[in-house]
Amino acid sequence: MKEQKLFWSPGVTWEVKEGVLKAAAFAIRTDFARLFPKFYFICAAGASEQEILAAFSSEQPDLLLRFIRKLHSAHILVSGIQSPDEIFYAQKKLFQSETTYETGYFMDAAHVEAFREKAYARQSLTGGLAVKLPHSNASKLFEQRRSSRRFDGGTVPFPDFAALMNLMMRRPDGGFYYASAGALYPIDCYVSVYHDRVENVANGLYLLDPLRGGLIAVDSGAELEHDMHYAGNRNIYSGSAFSLYFVYNAEYSMPKYGSRSYYYAMLDAGILIGTLNLAAAEHGMGCCSIGDLNFRKAAGAFRLNGYQQYLHCMIFGKPAAES
């Protein structure tokens, strides 16, 4: 079997000061800091563990191997496609805004609302309207669409659950219900059912099979950890019925589109999320996109391979009555 190559993560900068290697959020005091920048250039080009050891043959191999694996476990050295967080790690540093916000600013609800209204009104700053468009009511389906952040803990009927799943499956005519770059559909959809809240479906983690039209049991009986969700989202999770996890499978698009395939996959996921938002409204379900969670807490249950990366989570259930 071919030994995997390790690469220095493209988004991670580094420096060595007084024997301390500083890379990403890590400060590592190590004798091997003196191997830089040669160590960095070897890994930037890609090298196996044995190739790195051979490049530094005068070093004690067991200690150097431990150092290499420490960098690998910290995702400073990577051996497969990266998560979106790792890809975009450096973007905040490059973003140079004319407006600064103090730490904790967005923890205040009034500040968040003011920022939201500012975002909504941004085009108004560019001048008067050239064309005034008359208001027209959207169809009932679009009027019903909204994010639900409170669920009543009720059971989702099986026909409604199945109808939602069907939108991710292949149609009888060979097509799909949502668009994908090159019609490759590289998004793997995992379904976590819990709390006995989906009629006729046992609790557990499933993988949707769009070709055969069903669910494959990945981890029967498993209920993903409550604390994989951050504190602000745990109440949303606790009343819901099931979640969808969208995972990009690079093996089925990157050979055709190269590095742009990751970008296309994110667009695919967004199209699918929009489709499911409308479908949830049609079937009387609530849904909520979860922007961030600690996927690593539950990653083992998914049994992902090196070609797969988690992208996004949506939570579904019976919406609580509006007060």
Protein backbone atom coordinates (compact mmCIF):
# COMPACT_ATOMS: atom_id res chain seq x y z
CA MET A 1 0.00 0.00 0.00
CA LYS A 2 1.34 3.42 -0.98
CA GLU A 3 2.38 5.50 2.03
CA GLN A 4 0.32 8.67 2.38
CA LYS A 5 2.00 12.02 1.92
CA LEU A 6 1.80 14.72 4.55
CA PHE A 7 1.44 18.38 3.58
CA TRP A 8 1.91 21.54 5.57
CA SER A 9 -1.58 23.02 5.84
CA PRO A 10 -1.74 25.88 3.29
CA GLY A 11 -3.61 28.15 5.71
CA VAL A 12 -1.17 27.76 8.60
CA THR A 13 1.64 30.29 8.98
CA TRP A 14 4.62 29.61 11.23
CA GLU A 15 7.55 31.25 12.94
CA VAL A 16 10.34 30.14 15.26
CA LYS A 17 11.30 32.34 18.20
CA GLU A 18 13.73 31.32 20.94
CA GLY A 19 13.30 27.63 20.19
CA VAL A 20 9.48 27.80 20.13
CA LEU A 21 7.62 26.82 16.97
CA LYS A 22 4.47 28.88 16.62
CA ALA A 23 2.02 27.50 14.08
CA ALA A 24 -1.70 28.29 13.93
CA ALA A 25 -2.93 28.41 17.55
CA PHE A 26 -0.10 26.21 18.81
CA ALA A 27 3.18 27.17 20.47
CA ILE A 28 5.44 24.10 20.60
CA ARG A 29 8.73 24.19 22.48
CA THR A 30 10.81 21.56 20.73
CA ASP A 31 14.41 20.88 19.73
CA PHE A 32 13.10 20.29 16.21
CA ALA A 33 12.30 23.99 15.77
CA ARG A 34 15.89 24.29 14.53
CA LEU A 35 14.95 22.15 11.48
CA PHE A 36 12.94 25.04 10.05
CA PRO A 37 12.58 26.32 7.35
CA LYS A 38 13.82 23.13 5.65
CA PHE A 39 11.18 21.03 7.43
CA TYR A 40 8.46 23.41 6.22
CA PHE A 41 9.59 23.39 2.57
CA ILE A 42 9.74 19.58 2.48
CA CYS A 43 6.23 19.30 3.88
CA ALA A 44 4.86 22.13 1.72
CA ALA A 45 5.79 20.02 -1.30
CA GLY A 46 4.36 16.87 0.29
CA ALA A 47 6.34 13.99 1.82
CA SER A 48 5.68 10.69 3.56
CA GLU A 49 6.84 10.08 7.12
CA GLN A 50 9.73 7.99 5.80
CA GLU A 51 10.75 10.70 3.34
CA ILE A 52 10.81 13.30 6.11
CA LEU A 53 12.86 10.99 8.33
CA ALA A 54 15.28 10.37 5.47
CA ALA A 55 15.70 14.11 4.91
CA PHE A 56 16.82 14.46 8.53
CA SER A 57 18.73 11.21 8.90
CA SER A 58 21.06 12.64 11.55
CA GLU A 59 18.11 13.14 13.94
CA GLN A 60 16.83 10.53 16.38
CA PRO A 61 14.07 8.88 14.28
CA ASP A 62 11.66 7.89 17.05
CA LEU A 63 11.62 11.42 18.51
CA LEU A 64 11.29 13.05 15.09
CA LEU A 65 8.46 10.67 14.18
CA ARG A 66 6.66 11.63 17.39
CA PHE A 67 7.05 15.31 16.44
CA ILE A 68 5.71 14.67 12.92
CA ARG A 69 2.67 12.87 14.30
CA LYS A 70 2.05 15.62 16.83
CA LEU A 71 1.86 18.13 13.99
CA HIS A 72 -0.42 15.75 12.08
CA SER A 73 -2.82 15.32 15.01
CA ALA A 74 -2.96 19.12 15.36
CA HIS A 75 -3.86 19.41 11.63
CA ILE A 76 -0.74 21.48 10.98
CA LEU A 77 0.33 18.61 8.76
CA VAL A 78 -2.57 17.19 6.76
CA SER A 79 -2.98 14.04 4.71
CA GLY A 80 -6.37 14.55 3.07
CA ILE A 81 -8.83 17.24 2.05
CA GLN A 82 -9.45 19.80 4.77
CA SER A 83 -12.56 20.96 6.58
CA PRO A 84 -14.07 24.31 5.59
CA ASP A 85 -12.79 25.82 8.86
CA GLU A 86 -9.23 24.82 7.96
CA ILE A 87 -9.55 26.06 4.39
CA PHE A 88 -10.84 29.48 5.42
CA TYR A 89 -8.65 29.79 8.53
CA ALA A 90 -6.60 32.72 7.21
CA GLN A 91 -9.43 34.72 5.64
CA LYS A 92 -10.32 36.73 8.76
CA LYS A 93 -6.72 37.90 8.99
CA LEU A 94 -6.86 39.07 5.36
CA PHE A 95 -10.19 40.88 5.83
CA GLN A 96 -9.42 44.53 6.56
CA SER A 97 -12.60 46.32 7.56
CA GLU A 98 -12.95 50.04 8.10
CA THR A 99 -15.19 49.28 11.07
CA THR A 100 -13.99 47.42 14.14
CA TYR A 101 -16.16 45.70 16.74
CA GLU A 102 -15.03 45.13 20.30
CA THR A 103 -14.73 41.62 21.70
CA GLY A 104 -18.14 40.33 22.75
CA TYR A 105 -20.02 42.86 20.62
CA PHE A 106 -22.12 40.18 18.93
CA MET A 107 -23.10 38.59 22.24
CA ASP A 108 -25.56 41.46 22.72
CA ALA A 109 -28.93 40.88 21.01
CA ALA A 110 -29.44 44.58 20.32
CA HIS A 111 -26.05 44.78 18.61
CA VAL A 112 -26.85 41.73 16.49
CA GLU A 113 -30.17 43.24 15.41
CA ALA A 114 -28.52 46.55 14.52
CA PHE A 115 -25.85 44.75 12.48
CA ARG A 116 -28.54 42.73 10.70
CA GLU A 117 -30.50 45.85 9.75
CA LYS A 118 -27.29 47.46 8.50
CA ALA A 119 -26.66 44.39 6.31
CA TYR A 120 -30.22 44.51 4.92
CA ALA A 121 -29.90 48.18 4.00
CA ARG A 122 -26.44 48.09 2.43
CA GLN A 123 -27.66 48.62 -1.17
CA SER A 124 -29.55 51.76 -0.08
CA LEU A 125 -26.22 53.52 0.29
CA THR A 126 -25.46 53.29 -3.43
CA GLY A 127 -28.05 55.77 -4.74
CA GLY A 128 -31.66 56.09 -5.84
CA LEU A 129 -33.76 53.41 -7.53
CA ALA A 130 -33.69 53.30 -11.33
CA VAL A 131 -36.67 50.94 -11.43
CA LYS A 132 -39.32 50.59 -8.71
CA LEU A 133 -40.69 47.06 -8.58
CA PRO A 134 -44.27 46.44 -7.45
CA HIS A 135 -44.70 44.13 -4.46
CA SER A 136 -46.26 40.78 -5.28
CA ASN A 137 -47.11 38.04 -2.83
CA ALA A 138 -45.02 34.89 -3.07
CA SER A 139 -46.68 31.50 -3.27
CA LYS A 140 -47.97 30.06 0.00
CA LEU A 141 -45.03 27.67 0.16
CA PHE A 142 -42.51 30.52 0.16
CA GLU A 143 -44.59 32.50 2.65
CA GLN A 144 -44.50 29.54 5.05
CA ARG A 145 -40.72 29.12 4.88
CA ARG A 146 -38.89 30.14 8.04
CA SER A 147 -36.26 28.81 10.39
CA SER A 148 -37.60 27.09 13.51
CA ARG A 149 -35.59 27.40 16.69
CA ARG A 150 -38.19 25.78 18.92
CA PHE A 151 -39.63 22.30 18.43
CA ASP A 152 -42.45 20.71 20.42
CA GLY A 153 -40.91 17.23 20.78
CA GLY A 154 -43.69 15.66 18.72
CA THR A 155 -43.40 12.67 16.41
CA VAL A 156 -42.88 13.29 12.69
CA PRO A 157 -45.26 11.09 10.61
CA PHE A 158 -43.43 8.61 8.41
CA PRO A 159 -44.98 9.85 5.12
CA ASP A 160 -43.69 13.39 5.81
CA PHE A 161 -40.24 12.09 6.75
CA ALA A 162 -40.13 9.90 3.63
CA ALA A 163 -41.22 12.79 1.40
CA LEU A 164 -38.32 14.88 2.67
CA MET A 165 -35.85 12.02 2.13
CA ASN A 166 -37.18 11.47 -1.39
CA LEU A 167 -36.02 14.92 -2.43
CA MET A 168 -32.44 13.71 -2.04
CA MET A 169 -33.01 10.53 -4.04
CA ARG A 170 -32.84 9.85 -7.74
CA ARG A 171 -36.08 10.40 -9.63
CA PRO A 172 -37.64 7.62 -11.71
CA ASP A 173 -36.57 9.49 -14.87
CA GLY A 174 -32.92 9.35 -13.78
CA GLY A 175 -32.59 12.96 -12.67
CA PHE A 176 -32.60 14.52 -9.22
CA TYR A 177 -34.82 17.07 -7.50
CA TYR A 178 -31.98 19.55 -6.97
CA ALA A 179 -29.11 20.76 -9.14
CA SER A 180 -25.45 19.72 -8.89
CA ALA A 181 -22.32 20.76 -10.79
CA GLY A 182 -21.76 18.28 -13.59
CA ALA A 183 -24.66 16.19 -12.22
CA LEU A 184 -22.12 14.44 -9.97
CA TYR A 185 -24.00 14.83 -6.64
CA PRO A 186 -20.98 14.39 -4.36
CA ILE A 187 -22.86 15.29 -1.16
CA ASP A 188 -23.37 12.27 1.11
CA CYS A 189 -26.44 12.74 3.31
CA TYR A 190 -26.42 11.20 6.79
CA VAL A 191 -29.62 11.06 8.85
CA SER A 192 -29.60 10.94 12.65
CA VAL A 193 -32.96 9.86 14.10
CA TYR A 194 -33.47 10.18 17.83
CA HIS A 195 -35.87 10.46 20.74
CA ASP A 196 -38.33 8.00 19.07
CA ARG A 197 -39.69 10.99 17.19
CA VAL A 198 -39.86 9.63 13.64
CA GLU A 199 -42.70 7.20 13.06
CA ASN A 200 -41.59 3.68 12.01
CA VAL A 201 -37.86 4.58 12.02
CA ALA A 202 -35.63 3.29 14.82
CA ASN A 203 -33.20 5.62 16.54
CA GLY A 204 -29.78 5.58 14.91
CA LEU A 205 -27.47 7.05 12.33
CA TYR A 206 -28.20 6.27 8.68
CA LEU A 207 -26.67 7.01 5.28
CA LEU A 208 -29.14 7.90 2.55
CA ASP A 209 -28.84 5.72 -0.56
CA PRO A 210 -30.23 7.89 -3.40
CA LEU A 211 -30.00 5.15 -6.03
CA ARG A 212 -31.90 2.39 -4.20
CA GLY A 213 -34.16 4.83 -2.37
CA GLY A 214 -33.63 4.06 1.30
CA LEU A 215 -31.49 4.40 4.40
CA ILE A 216 -28.45 2.30 5.25
CA ALA A 217 -27.84 1.77 8.98
CA VAL A 218 -24.42 3.16 9.93
CA ASP A 219 -24.74 3.00 13.72
CA SER A 220 -27.98 1.38 14.87
CA GLY A 221 -29.45 2.82 18.05
CA ALA A 222 -26.91 5.63 18.26
CA GLU A 223 -28.04 9.05 19.37
CA LEU A 224 -25.35 11.62 18.65
CA GLU A 225 -23.99 13.45 21.64
CA HIS A 226 -26.06 16.36 22.91
CA ASP A 227 -22.88 18.31 23.70
CA MET A 228 -21.62 18.19 20.12
CA HIS A 229 -23.91 21.22 19.81
CA TYR A 230 -22.75 24.46 21.38
CA ALA A 231 -24.75 25.85 24.30
CA GLY A 232 -26.88 28.24 22.25
CA ASN A 233 -28.19 25.43 20.04
CA ARG A 234 -28.84 22.67 22.58
CA ASN A 235 -32.43 23.71 23.24
CA ILE A 236 -33.09 23.59 19.49
CA TYR A 237 -31.67 20.07 19.32
CA SER A 238 -33.47 18.71 22.40
CA GLY A 239 -36.99 19.22 21.04
CA SER A 240 -36.28 18.09 17.48
CA ALA A 241 -36.83 14.73 15.77
CA PHE A 242 -33.95 14.16 13.36
CA SER A 243 -30.93 15.84 11.82
CA LEU A 244 -29.31 15.78 8.40
CA TYR A 245 -25.54 15.98 8.06
CA PHE A 246 -24.15 16.91 4.66
CA VAL A 247 -20.72 15.46 3.90
CA TYR A 248 -18.66 16.26 0.82
CA ASN A 249 -17.21 13.16 -0.88
CA ALA A 250 -14.27 14.43 -2.96
CA GLU A 251 -13.67 11.04 -4.56
CA TYR A 252 -16.66 11.61 -6.83
CA SER A 253 -16.00 15.15 -8.07
CA MET A 254 -12.36 16.16 -7.55
CA PRO A 255 -11.04 13.86 -10.32
CA LYS A 256 -13.15 15.90 -12.78
CA TYR A 257 -13.06 19.44 -11.40
CA GLY A 258 -9.85 19.53 -9.35
CA SER A 259 -9.68 22.05 -6.53
CA ARG A 260 -12.78 23.94 -7.72
CA SER A 261 -14.85 20.85 -6.94
CA TYR A 262 -14.87 21.80 -3.24
CA TYR A 263 -16.37 25.19 -4.12
CA TYR A 264 -18.95 23.49 -6.36
CA ALA A 265 -19.78 21.05 -3.54
CA MET A 266 -20.56 23.94 -1.22
CA LEU A 267 -22.89 25.37 -3.85
CA ASP A 268 -24.52 21.93 -4.19
CA ALA A 269 -25.04 21.78 -0.43
CA GLY A 270 -26.58 25.27 -0.44
CA ILE A 271 -29.00 24.32 -3.22
CA LEU A 272 -29.99 21.20 -1.29
CA ILE A 273 -30.46 23.16 1.94
CA GLY A 274 -32.77 25.62 0.15
CA THR A 275 -34.78 22.76 -1.36
CA LEU A 276 -35.22 21.10 2.03
CA ASN A 277 -36.27 24.38 3.65
CA LEU A 278 -39.21 24.63 1.25
CA ALA A 279 -40.04 20.93 1.56
CA ALA A 280 -40.16 21.19 5.36
CA ALA A 281 -42.68 24.04 5.07
CA GLU A 282 -44.76 22.00 2.62
CA HIS A 283 -44.98 19.08 5.04
CA GLY A 284 -45.63 21.08 8.21
CA MET A 285 -42.16 20.55 9.63
CA GLY A 286 -39.79 23.05 11.10
CA CYS A 287 -36.09 23.14 10.27
CA CYS A 288 -33.03 25.03 11.37
CA SER A 289 -29.54 25.21 9.87
CA ILE A 290 -26.82 24.85 12.48
CA GLY A 291 -23.92 27.07 11.50
CA ASP A 292 -21.34 25.48 13.77
CA LEU A 293 -20.99 22.43 15.98
CA ASN A 294 -18.21 20.25 17.35
CA PHE A 295 -18.40 17.52 14.73
CA ARG A 296 -15.29 15.81 16.08
CA LYS A 297 -17.26 14.65 19.13
CA ALA A 298 -19.38 12.41 16.91
CA ALA A 299 -17.13 11.88 13.88
CA GLY A 300 -16.32 8.28 14.84
CA ALA A 301 -19.95 7.23 14.46
CA PHE A 302 -19.98 8.40 10.82
CA ARG A 303 -16.98 6.25 9.82
CA LEU A 304 -15.86 8.78 7.21
CA ASN A 305 -12.91 8.05 4.95
CA GLY A 306 -10.13 10.40 3.90
CA TYR A 307 -12.15 11.66 0.93
CA GLN A 308 -15.07 12.90 3.04
CA GLN A 309 -15.48 16.17 4.91
CA TYR A 310 -18.43 17.36 7.00
CA LEU A 311 -20.05 20.56 5.67
CA HIS A 312 -23.33 21.36 7.37
CA CYS A 313 -26.13 20.23 9.69
CA MET A 314 -29.89 20.80 9.54
CA ILE A 315 -32.27 19.96 12.40
CA PHE A 316 -35.92 19.03 11.78
CA GLY A 317 -38.99 18.45 13.91
CA LYS A 318 -42.52 19.52 14.72
CA PRO A 319 -42.38 23.30 15.25
CA ALA A 320 -43.58 24.64 18.56
CA ALA A 321 -46.65 26.85 18.46
CA GLU A 322 -45.79 30.53 18.23
CA SER A 323 -46.54 32.37 21.45
